[in-house]
Structures are given as C-alpha cells and as structure tokens.
C-alpha cells in the first residue's frame, strides 16, 4: 500500500540533500552554504503546505497527537508493546515538527545574519550555530528512532521512504 506519496518523498530526500550540503559547506566563505540553506528553507515551506494539502499520511492532522497519547505511546515503546503505525507514530510525528521547525529557524537566522539589522553582532551567529548543532542532534534521534522502529516492527522504514510503500497488514494507525 502506498503511504508516502511522491511529493512527500521528494521533499524528504531533497531536504536531506540540502541539509547535508549546508552542513558540509558551513565553513565555506562563498555563497554555497546560503544557497543550500535557502533551498532547505524553501523545502520546509513546501512541506508545511503539504502538511495541510497532501495525502492522508502527509497531513499533520493525521500524525501529530496530543501529549497524553504521545506519553502513552512512549510507555508502550519502553514496555515493548508499542503498536505499529502505517504513518508516523506519535513520537515520529513530533520529531517531524521539531525537524521542520529547526530547519525553518536556521533559514530565518541565516537570512537575518545578512541583514543590516544584525550585521556584525556575534549573538546571532551563535544562535545560528546552536540551531545547527541542535538539528544535528535531532537528526541523530530521528535516525535512531527509524532504526529502532524498523527493528521493533521488522520492517525497513528507509525502504518505505524510498518506495512510498508499506505492508498494510495488522496496523492500528
């Protein structure tokens, strides 16, 4: 069954490319870092739109759960009884929002560094760098969650994000 539609997968993997390239060019003095960063910010803007207009599994309303449901799911994960979800599980849904928000803030702070208002101040650079490291930590948690959930439910979530398809048998969400 197709879960992740083509636009969502293209946005996901394009964001992976832009974030990786922005990270790798972060010490460059040329404009490459800015271009990759603006590309990532544009992708995030498109993903926010797709979160309201995309297919069922792309919509924020499908995978962003309330705090109580998310804590209940976390207890299930810890207890080894977490159910399988076709779309994002409750923790994964919040991770999506955290990643998108962090990239958006990086785009805003990166842009702001080139404005006359903030030019020459050290604190905006430190905020931008801290957001970059925060994003790296979130990515590590995201990858860890993908690997753990793939192991826990015996399914390859990376392959699912490449093909868009998951087995629809025996799922609660």
N, C-alpha and C. Protein backbone atom coordinates (compact mmCIF):
# COMPACT_ATOMS: atom_id res chain seq x y z
N UNK A 1 0.85 -1.17 0.00
CA UNK A 1 0.00 0.00 0.00
C UNK A 1 0.89 1.24 0.00
N UNK A 2 0.56 2.24 -0.83
CA UNK A 2 1.34 3.47 -0.86
C UNK A 2 0.95 4.35 0.33
N UNK A 3 1.94 4.66 1.14
CA UNK A 3 1.74 5.51 2.31
C UNK A 3 2.34 6.89 2.06
N UNK A 4 3.59 6.90 1.66
CA UNK A 4 4.29 8.17 1.42
C UNK A 4 4.20 8.48 -0.07
N UNK A 5 3.45 9.53 -0.43
CA UNK A 5 3.28 9.87 -1.84
C UNK A 5 4.56 10.49 -2.40
N UNK A 6 4.61 10.60 -3.72
CA UNK A 6 5.82 11.08 -4.39
C UNK A 6 6.22 12.49 -3.93
N UNK A 7 5.29 13.45 -3.85
CA UNK A 7 5.73 14.78 -3.39
C UNK A 7 6.37 14.74 -2.00
N UNK A 8 5.81 13.97 -1.09
CA UNK A 8 6.38 13.89 0.26
C UNK A 8 7.78 13.29 0.22
N UNK A 9 7.95 12.23 -0.56
CA UNK A 9 9.27 11.59 -0.65
C UNK A 9 10.29 12.52 -1.30
N UNK A 10 9.87 13.25 -2.33
CA UNK A 10 10.79 14.20 -2.97
C UNK A 10 11.18 15.31 -2.00
N UNK A 11 10.21 15.80 -1.24
CA UNK A 11 10.52 16.82 -0.24
C UNK A 11 11.47 16.27 0.82
N UNK A 12 11.21 15.06 1.29
CA UNK A 12 12.05 14.45 2.32
C UNK A 12 13.49 14.32 1.85
N UNK A 13 13.69 13.68 0.70
CA UNK A 13 15.06 13.40 0.26
C UNK A 13 15.76 14.66 -0.24
N UNK A 14 15.01 15.63 -0.78
CA UNK A 14 15.61 16.92 -1.15
C UNK A 14 16.07 17.67 0.09
N UNK A 15 15.28 17.57 1.16
CA UNK A 15 15.68 18.21 2.42
C UNK A 15 16.93 17.55 2.98
N UNK A 16 17.00 16.23 2.90
CA UNK A 16 18.21 15.52 3.33
C UNK A 16 19.42 16.05 2.57
N UNK A 17 19.30 16.17 1.25
CA UNK A 17 20.40 16.67 0.43
C UNK A 17 20.79 18.09 0.82
N UNK A 18 19.80 18.98 0.93
CA UNK A 18 20.10 20.38 1.25
C UNK A 18 20.73 20.53 2.63
N UNK A 19 20.20 19.82 3.61
CA UNK A 19 20.76 19.93 4.97
C UNK A 19 22.19 19.38 5.00
N UNK A 20 22.41 18.25 4.36
CA UNK A 20 23.76 17.68 4.32
C UNK A 20 24.73 18.63 3.63
N UNK A 21 24.32 19.19 2.49
CA UNK A 21 25.19 20.10 1.76
C UNK A 21 25.42 21.39 2.55
N UNK A 22 24.38 21.90 3.21
CA UNK A 22 24.56 23.11 4.02
C UNK A 22 25.53 22.84 5.17
N UNK A 23 25.43 21.67 5.77
CA UNK A 23 26.34 21.32 6.86
C UNK A 23 27.78 21.23 6.33
N UNK A 24 27.94 20.56 5.19
CA UNK A 24 29.28 20.36 4.64
C UNK A 24 29.91 21.67 4.16
N UNK A 25 29.08 22.66 3.81
CA UNK A 25 29.61 23.94 3.34
C UNK A 25 29.54 25.02 4.41
N UNK A 26 29.29 24.63 5.65
CA UNK A 26 29.09 25.63 6.71
C UNK A 26 30.33 26.46 7.01
N UNK A 27 31.50 25.97 6.68
CA UNK A 27 32.72 26.75 6.94
C UNK A 27 33.21 27.46 5.69
N UNK A 28 32.50 27.32 4.58
CA UNK A 28 32.91 27.99 3.34
C UNK A 28 32.66 29.49 3.44
N UNK A 29 33.50 30.24 2.76
CA UNK A 29 33.32 31.69 2.73
C UNK A 29 32.47 32.13 1.54
N UNK A 30 32.21 31.22 0.61
CA UNK A 30 31.39 31.55 -0.55
C UNK A 30 29.90 31.41 -0.25
N UNK A 31 29.09 31.61 -1.29
CA UNK A 31 27.64 31.61 -1.09
C UNK A 31 26.99 30.22 -1.07
N UNK A 32 27.76 29.15 -1.24
CA UNK A 32 27.16 27.82 -1.34
C UNK A 32 26.33 27.47 -0.10
N UNK A 33 26.84 27.76 1.07
CA UNK A 33 26.12 27.45 2.30
C UNK A 33 24.76 28.16 2.32
N UNK A 34 24.76 29.41 1.92
CA UNK A 34 23.50 30.16 1.88
C UNK A 34 22.52 29.54 0.89
N UNK A 35 23.00 29.18 -0.29
CA UNK A 35 22.11 28.60 -1.30
C UNK A 35 21.48 27.31 -0.80
N UNK A 36 22.28 26.45 -0.21
CA UNK A 36 21.75 25.18 0.33
C UNK A 36 20.78 25.46 1.47
N UNK A 37 21.11 26.43 2.30
CA UNK A 37 20.22 26.79 3.41
C UNK A 37 18.90 27.35 2.93
N UNK A 38 18.95 28.22 1.93
CA UNK A 38 17.70 28.76 1.38
C UNK A 38 16.89 27.66 0.70
N UNK A 39 17.59 26.74 0.06
CA UNK A 39 16.90 25.59 -0.54
C UNK A 39 16.18 24.77 0.52
N UNK A 40 16.86 24.53 1.64
CA UNK A 40 16.24 23.77 2.74
C UNK A 40 15.04 24.52 3.29
N UNK A 41 15.16 25.84 3.45
CA UNK A 41 14.04 26.63 3.96
C UNK A 41 12.85 26.59 3.01
N UNK A 42 13.11 26.65 1.71
CA UNK A 42 12.03 26.58 0.73
C UNK A 42 11.34 25.21 0.79
N UNK A 43 12.12 24.16 0.95
CA UNK A 43 11.54 22.81 1.06
C UNK A 43 10.67 22.71 2.30
N UNK A 44 11.13 23.28 3.41
CA UNK A 44 10.34 23.25 4.64
C UNK A 44 9.02 24.01 4.43
N UNK A 45 9.07 25.14 3.74
CA UNK A 45 7.83 25.88 3.46
C UNK A 45 6.87 25.02 2.64
N UNK A 46 7.40 24.33 1.64
CA UNK A 46 6.56 23.43 0.84
C UNK A 46 6.02 22.29 1.68
N UNK A 47 6.84 21.77 2.58
CA UNK A 47 6.38 20.65 3.43
C UNK A 47 5.29 21.11 4.39
N UNK A 48 5.39 22.33 4.89
CA UNK A 48 4.30 22.84 5.74
C UNK A 48 3.01 22.92 4.94
N UNK A 49 3.08 23.40 3.71
CA UNK A 49 1.88 23.44 2.86
C UNK A 49 1.36 22.03 2.60
N UNK A 50 2.27 21.10 2.30
CA UNK A 50 1.87 19.72 2.02
C UNK A 50 1.28 19.06 3.27
N UNK A 51 1.67 19.53 4.42
CA UNK A 51 1.11 19.00 5.67
C UNK A 51 -0.35 19.34 5.86
N UNK A 52 -0.86 20.27 5.07
CA UNK A 52 -2.28 20.62 5.12
C UNK A 52 -3.03 20.22 3.86
N UNK A 53 -2.31 19.99 2.75
CA UNK A 53 -2.99 19.71 1.49
C UNK A 53 -2.63 18.35 0.89
N UNK A 54 -1.64 17.68 1.44
CA UNK A 54 -1.17 16.41 0.89
C UNK A 54 -2.11 15.25 1.18
N UNK A 55 -1.65 14.06 0.85
CA UNK A 55 -2.48 12.87 1.09
C UNK A 55 -2.64 12.64 2.60
N UNK A 56 -3.44 11.66 2.94
CA UNK A 56 -3.80 11.40 4.34
C UNK A 56 -2.58 11.29 5.24
N UNK A 57 -1.58 10.51 4.84
CA UNK A 57 -0.42 10.26 5.71
C UNK A 57 0.56 11.42 5.74
N UNK A 58 0.43 12.38 4.83
CA UNK A 58 1.29 13.56 4.82
C UNK A 58 0.75 14.67 5.71
N UNK A 59 -0.51 14.58 6.07
CA UNK A 59 -1.17 15.67 6.81
C UNK A 59 -0.81 15.66 8.29
N UNK A 60 -0.51 16.84 8.80
CA UNK A 60 -0.20 16.98 10.22
C UNK A 60 -1.34 16.47 11.09
N UNK A 61 -2.56 16.68 10.65
CA UNK A 61 -3.71 16.24 11.44
C UNK A 61 -3.74 14.73 11.62
N UNK A 62 -3.06 13.99 10.75
CA UNK A 62 -3.04 12.54 10.86
C UNK A 62 -2.01 12.07 11.87
N UNK A 63 -0.89 12.77 12.00
CA UNK A 63 0.19 12.20 12.81
C UNK A 63 0.64 13.02 14.01
N UNK A 64 0.15 14.23 14.17
CA UNK A 64 0.51 14.99 15.36
C UNK A 64 -0.53 14.69 16.44
N UNK A 65 -0.10 13.97 17.45
CA UNK A 65 -1.00 13.54 18.52
C UNK A 65 -0.85 14.44 19.75
N UNK A 66 -1.80 14.40 20.63
CA UNK A 66 -1.71 15.21 21.84
C UNK A 66 -0.66 14.62 22.79
N UNK A 67 -0.31 15.40 23.81
CA UNK A 67 0.74 14.98 24.74
C UNK A 67 0.43 13.69 25.47
N UNK A 68 -0.82 13.50 25.88
CA UNK A 68 -1.20 12.28 26.59
C UNK A 68 -1.04 11.04 25.73
N UNK A 69 -1.49 11.13 24.48
CA UNK A 69 -1.33 9.99 23.56
C UNK A 69 0.14 9.69 23.30
N UNK A 70 0.93 10.76 23.19
CA UNK A 70 2.35 10.58 22.92
C UNK A 70 3.06 9.94 24.11
N UNK A 71 2.74 10.38 25.32
CA UNK A 71 3.35 9.77 26.51
C UNK A 71 2.90 8.31 26.66
N UNK A 72 1.64 8.03 26.35
CA UNK A 72 1.15 6.65 26.40
C UNK A 72 1.94 5.79 25.41
N UNK A 73 2.16 6.32 24.21
CA UNK A 73 2.94 5.58 23.21
C UNK A 73 4.37 5.37 23.69
N UNK A 74 4.97 6.39 24.30
CA UNK A 74 6.34 6.26 24.82
C UNK A 74 6.41 5.15 25.86
N UNK A 75 5.42 5.08 26.74
CA UNK A 75 5.39 3.99 27.73
C UNK A 75 5.28 2.64 27.03
N UNK A 76 4.51 2.58 25.96
CA UNK A 76 4.40 1.33 25.20
C UNK A 76 5.74 0.96 24.56
N UNK A 77 6.45 1.95 24.04
CA UNK A 77 7.77 1.69 23.45
C UNK A 77 8.70 1.12 24.51
N UNK A 78 8.75 1.77 25.67
CA UNK A 78 9.61 1.31 26.76
C UNK A 78 9.22 -0.08 27.22
N UNK A 79 7.93 -0.36 27.25
CA UNK A 79 7.45 -1.68 27.67
C UNK A 79 7.48 -2.74 26.59
N UNK A 80 7.88 -2.36 25.39
CA UNK A 80 7.95 -3.33 24.29
C UNK A 80 6.61 -3.71 23.71
N UNK A 81 5.59 -2.88 23.93
CA UNK A 81 4.25 -3.19 23.43
C UNK A 81 3.73 -2.14 22.46
N UNK A 82 4.61 -1.32 21.92
CA UNK A 82 4.17 -0.23 21.03
C UNK A 82 3.55 -0.80 19.76
N UNK A 83 2.39 -0.28 19.37
CA UNK A 83 1.76 -0.75 18.14
C UNK A 83 2.48 -0.20 16.91
N UNK A 84 2.28 -0.86 15.81
CA UNK A 84 2.83 -0.43 14.53
C UNK A 84 1.86 0.57 13.90
N UNK A 85 2.41 1.59 13.30
CA UNK A 85 1.63 2.60 12.59
C UNK A 85 1.99 2.57 11.12
N UNK A 86 1.00 2.73 10.26
CA UNK A 86 1.30 2.85 8.83
C UNK A 86 1.99 4.18 8.55
N UNK A 87 1.48 5.25 9.15
CA UNK A 87 2.11 6.55 9.01
C UNK A 87 3.08 6.77 10.16
N UNK A 88 3.24 8.02 10.54
CA UNK A 88 4.13 8.33 11.66
C UNK A 88 3.50 7.90 12.97
N UNK A 89 4.31 7.32 13.84
CA UNK A 89 3.84 7.05 15.20
C UNK A 89 3.85 8.38 15.96
N UNK A 90 3.26 8.44 17.16
CA UNK A 90 3.18 9.72 17.88
C UNK A 90 4.53 10.39 18.13
N UNK A 91 5.55 9.63 18.48
CA UNK A 91 6.88 10.23 18.68
C UNK A 91 7.44 10.73 17.36
N UNK A 92 7.26 9.95 16.31
CA UNK A 92 7.73 10.35 14.98
C UNK A 92 7.05 11.61 14.49
N UNK A 93 5.77 11.76 14.80
CA UNK A 93 5.05 12.96 14.40
C UNK A 93 5.64 14.22 15.03
N UNK A 94 5.94 14.13 16.32
CA UNK A 94 6.55 15.28 16.99
C UNK A 94 7.97 15.52 16.48
N UNK A 95 8.68 14.45 16.11
CA UNK A 95 10.03 14.63 15.55
C UNK A 95 9.96 15.37 14.22
N UNK A 96 8.96 15.04 13.39
CA UNK A 96 8.79 15.75 12.13
C UNK A 96 8.66 17.25 12.39
N UNK A 97 7.80 17.61 13.33
CA UNK A 97 7.61 19.03 13.64
C UNK A 97 8.88 19.67 14.17
N UNK A 98 9.61 18.97 15.03
CA UNK A 98 10.86 19.51 15.59
C UNK A 98 11.89 19.74 14.49
N UNK A 99 12.03 18.78 13.59
CA UNK A 99 12.99 18.92 12.49
C UNK A 99 12.61 20.08 11.58
N UNK A 100 11.34 20.15 11.20
CA UNK A 100 10.90 21.22 10.30
C UNK A 100 11.07 22.59 10.96
N UNK A 101 10.71 22.69 12.23
CA UNK A 101 10.85 23.96 12.94
C UNK A 101 12.32 24.37 13.05
N UNK A 102 13.18 23.42 13.34
CA UNK A 102 14.61 23.73 13.48
C UNK A 102 15.19 24.21 12.15
N UNK A 103 14.85 23.55 11.05
CA UNK A 103 15.35 23.99 9.74
C UNK A 103 14.77 25.36 9.39
N UNK A 104 13.50 25.59 9.70
CA UNK A 104 12.90 26.90 9.44
C UNK A 104 13.63 27.99 10.23
N UNK A 105 13.90 27.73 11.50
CA UNK A 105 14.62 28.72 12.32
C UNK A 105 16.04 28.94 11.81
N UNK A 106 16.68 27.89 11.32
CA UNK A 106 18.01 28.05 10.72
C UNK A 106 17.93 28.94 9.49
N UNK A 107 16.90 28.74 8.68
CA UNK A 107 16.72 29.58 7.49
C UNK A 107 16.50 31.04 7.86
N UNK A 108 15.66 31.27 8.86
CA UNK A 108 15.37 32.64 9.29
C UNK A 108 16.61 33.30 9.88
N UNK A 109 17.31 32.59 10.76
CA UNK A 109 18.50 33.19 11.37
C UNK A 109 19.61 33.36 10.35
N UNK A 110 19.73 32.42 9.41
CA UNK A 110 20.74 32.56 8.36
C UNK A 110 20.47 33.78 7.49
N UNK A 111 19.20 33.96 7.12
CA UNK A 111 18.83 35.14 6.35
C UNK A 111 19.10 36.41 7.16
N UNK A 112 18.71 36.40 8.43
CA UNK A 112 18.85 37.58 9.28
C UNK A 112 20.31 38.00 9.45
N UNK A 113 21.23 37.03 9.37
CA UNK A 113 22.65 37.37 9.51
C UNK A 113 23.13 38.28 8.38
N UNK A 114 22.44 38.28 7.26
CA UNK A 114 22.83 39.11 6.12
C UNK A 114 22.07 40.42 6.05
N UNK A 115 21.30 40.73 7.06
CA UNK A 115 20.57 41.99 7.07
C UNK A 115 21.38 43.05 7.81
N UNK A 116 21.11 44.30 7.52
CA UNK A 116 21.80 45.39 8.21
C UNK A 116 21.49 45.39 9.70
N UNK A 117 20.31 44.93 10.05
CA UNK A 117 19.89 44.95 11.45
C UNK A 117 20.82 44.12 12.34
N UNK A 118 21.27 42.96 11.85
CA UNK A 118 22.07 42.06 12.68
C UNK A 118 23.52 41.94 12.23
N UNK A 119 23.91 42.65 11.20
CA UNK A 119 25.26 42.55 10.67
C UNK A 119 26.29 42.96 11.72
N UNK A 120 27.26 42.09 11.94
CA UNK A 120 28.36 42.41 12.84
C UNK A 120 28.17 41.99 14.28
N UNK A 121 26.99 41.56 14.66
CA UNK A 121 26.76 41.09 16.02
C UNK A 121 27.15 39.62 16.13
N UNK A 122 27.70 39.25 17.27
CA UNK A 122 28.14 37.86 17.46
C UNK A 122 26.99 36.94 17.88
N UNK A 123 26.03 37.44 18.67
CA UNK A 123 25.00 36.55 19.21
C UNK A 123 24.14 35.89 18.13
N UNK A 124 23.79 36.57 17.02
CA UNK A 124 23.00 35.86 16.01
C UNK A 124 23.77 34.70 15.37
N UNK A 125 25.08 34.87 15.24
CA UNK A 125 25.91 33.78 14.71
C UNK A 125 25.88 32.60 15.67
N UNK A 126 26.00 32.89 16.97
CA UNK A 126 25.97 31.81 17.97
C UNK A 126 24.61 31.10 17.98
N UNK A 127 23.53 31.86 17.83
CA UNK A 127 22.19 31.25 17.78
C UNK A 127 22.08 30.34 16.56
N UNK A 128 22.55 30.83 15.41
CA UNK A 128 22.50 30.04 14.18
C UNK A 128 23.33 28.75 14.33
N UNK A 129 24.51 28.88 14.90
CA UNK A 129 25.36 27.71 15.11
C UNK A 129 24.72 26.74 16.10
N UNK A 130 24.13 27.25 17.16
CA UNK A 130 23.47 26.38 18.15
C UNK A 130 22.30 25.64 17.50
N UNK A 131 21.56 26.33 16.63
CA UNK A 131 20.47 25.66 15.92
C UNK A 131 21.01 24.57 14.99
N UNK A 132 22.17 24.83 14.37
CA UNK A 132 22.79 23.81 13.52
C UNK A 132 23.14 22.56 14.30
N UNK A 133 23.72 22.74 15.48
CA UNK A 133 24.06 21.58 16.32
C UNK A 133 22.80 20.91 16.85
N UNK A 134 21.79 21.71 17.16
CA UNK A 134 20.51 21.13 17.60
C UNK A 134 19.91 20.27 16.49
N UNK A 135 19.97 20.78 15.26
CA UNK A 135 19.46 20.00 14.13
C UNK A 135 20.23 18.70 13.99
N UNK A 136 21.53 18.75 14.15
CA UNK A 136 22.33 17.53 14.06
C UNK A 136 21.89 16.51 15.12
N UNK A 137 21.63 16.98 16.34
CA UNK A 137 21.14 16.09 17.39
C UNK A 137 19.77 15.53 17.06
N UNK A 138 18.88 16.37 16.53
CA UNK A 138 17.55 15.89 16.14
C UNK A 138 17.64 14.84 15.03
N UNK A 139 18.54 15.07 14.09
CA UNK A 139 18.73 14.09 13.01
C UNK A 139 19.20 12.76 13.58
N UNK A 140 20.14 12.82 14.53
CA UNK A 140 20.61 11.58 15.16
C UNK A 140 19.46 10.86 15.86
N UNK A 141 18.62 11.60 16.59
CA UNK A 141 17.46 10.99 17.24
C UNK A 141 16.48 10.42 16.21
N UNK A 142 16.27 11.15 15.13
CA UNK A 142 15.38 10.69 14.06
C UNK A 142 15.88 9.38 13.47
N UNK A 143 17.15 9.34 13.14
CA UNK A 143 17.72 8.12 12.56
C UNK A 143 17.68 6.97 13.56
N UNK A 144 17.96 7.26 14.82
CA UNK A 144 17.85 6.24 15.86
C UNK A 144 16.44 5.71 15.98
N UNK A 145 15.46 6.61 15.94
CA UNK A 145 14.07 6.20 16.00
C UNK A 145 13.65 5.36 14.81
N UNK A 146 14.12 5.74 13.63
CA UNK A 146 13.82 4.96 12.42
C UNK A 146 14.42 3.57 12.53
N UNK A 147 15.68 3.48 12.95
CA UNK A 147 16.33 2.17 13.09
C UNK A 147 15.65 1.33 14.16
N UNK A 148 15.34 1.93 15.31
CA UNK A 148 14.70 1.19 16.39
C UNK A 148 13.32 0.69 15.96
N UNK A 149 12.53 1.56 15.36
CA UNK A 149 11.18 1.18 14.94
C UNK A 149 11.24 0.14 13.82
N UNK A 150 12.20 0.26 12.92
CA UNK A 150 12.38 -0.76 11.88
C UNK A 150 12.68 -2.11 12.51
N UNK A 151 13.56 -2.11 13.51
CA UNK A 151 13.90 -3.36 14.21
C UNK A 151 12.70 -3.88 14.99
N UNK A 152 12.04 -2.99 15.72
CA UNK A 152 10.92 -3.38 16.58
C UNK A 152 9.78 -4.03 15.79
N UNK A 153 9.48 -3.49 14.63
CA UNK A 153 8.34 -3.98 13.85
C UNK A 153 8.76 -4.81 12.63
N UNK A 154 10.05 -5.08 12.54
CA UNK A 154 10.58 -5.93 11.47
C UNK A 154 10.18 -5.41 10.09
N UNK A 155 10.37 -4.11 9.88
CA UNK A 155 10.10 -3.52 8.57
C UNK A 155 11.17 -2.47 8.28
N UNK A 156 11.48 -2.29 7.03
CA UNK A 156 12.52 -1.37 6.62
C UNK A 156 11.89 -0.01 6.31
N UNK A 157 11.97 0.90 7.27
CA UNK A 157 11.34 2.21 7.08
C UNK A 157 12.09 3.08 6.08
N UNK A 158 13.39 2.87 5.92
CA UNK A 158 14.14 3.62 4.91
C UNK A 158 13.65 3.21 3.52
N UNK A 159 13.49 1.91 3.30
CA UNK A 159 12.96 1.43 2.02
C UNK A 159 11.56 1.98 1.78
N UNK A 160 10.77 2.07 2.84
CA UNK A 160 9.42 2.62 2.70
C UNK A 160 9.46 4.09 2.29
N UNK A 161 10.43 4.84 2.81
CA UNK A 161 10.52 6.25 2.43
C UNK A 161 11.09 6.41 1.02
N UNK A 162 11.77 5.39 0.52
CA UNK A 162 12.23 5.42 -0.88
C UNK A 162 11.12 5.02 -1.84
N UNK A 163 10.41 3.96 -1.52
CA UNK A 163 9.38 3.44 -2.42
C UNK A 163 8.01 4.06 -2.17
N UNK A 164 7.78 4.50 -0.95
CA UNK A 164 6.48 5.01 -0.56
C UNK A 164 5.53 3.94 -0.05
N UNK A 165 5.96 2.69 -0.11
CA UNK A 165 5.05 1.58 0.18
C UNK A 165 5.37 0.91 1.52
N UNK A 166 4.28 0.49 2.19
CA UNK A 166 4.39 -0.31 3.42
C UNK A 166 3.32 -1.39 3.37
N UNK A 167 3.59 -2.49 4.05
CA UNK A 167 2.61 -3.56 4.17
C UNK A 167 1.50 -3.09 5.08
N UNK A 168 0.26 -3.18 4.62
CA UNK A 168 -0.88 -2.65 5.37
C UNK A 168 -1.45 -3.65 6.37
N UNK A 169 -0.90 -4.84 6.46
CA UNK A 169 -1.45 -5.85 7.37
C UNK A 169 -1.23 -5.46 8.82
N UNK A 170 -2.23 -5.69 9.64
CA UNK A 170 -2.14 -5.59 11.09
C UNK A 170 -1.57 -4.26 11.58
N UNK A 171 -2.32 -3.21 11.39
CA UNK A 171 -1.87 -1.90 11.87
C UNK A 171 -3.00 -1.18 12.59
N UNK A 172 -2.66 -0.40 13.64
CA UNK A 172 -3.69 0.37 14.34
C UNK A 172 -3.88 1.78 13.79
N UNK A 173 -2.80 2.35 13.22
CA UNK A 173 -2.88 3.75 12.84
C UNK A 173 -2.55 3.96 11.47
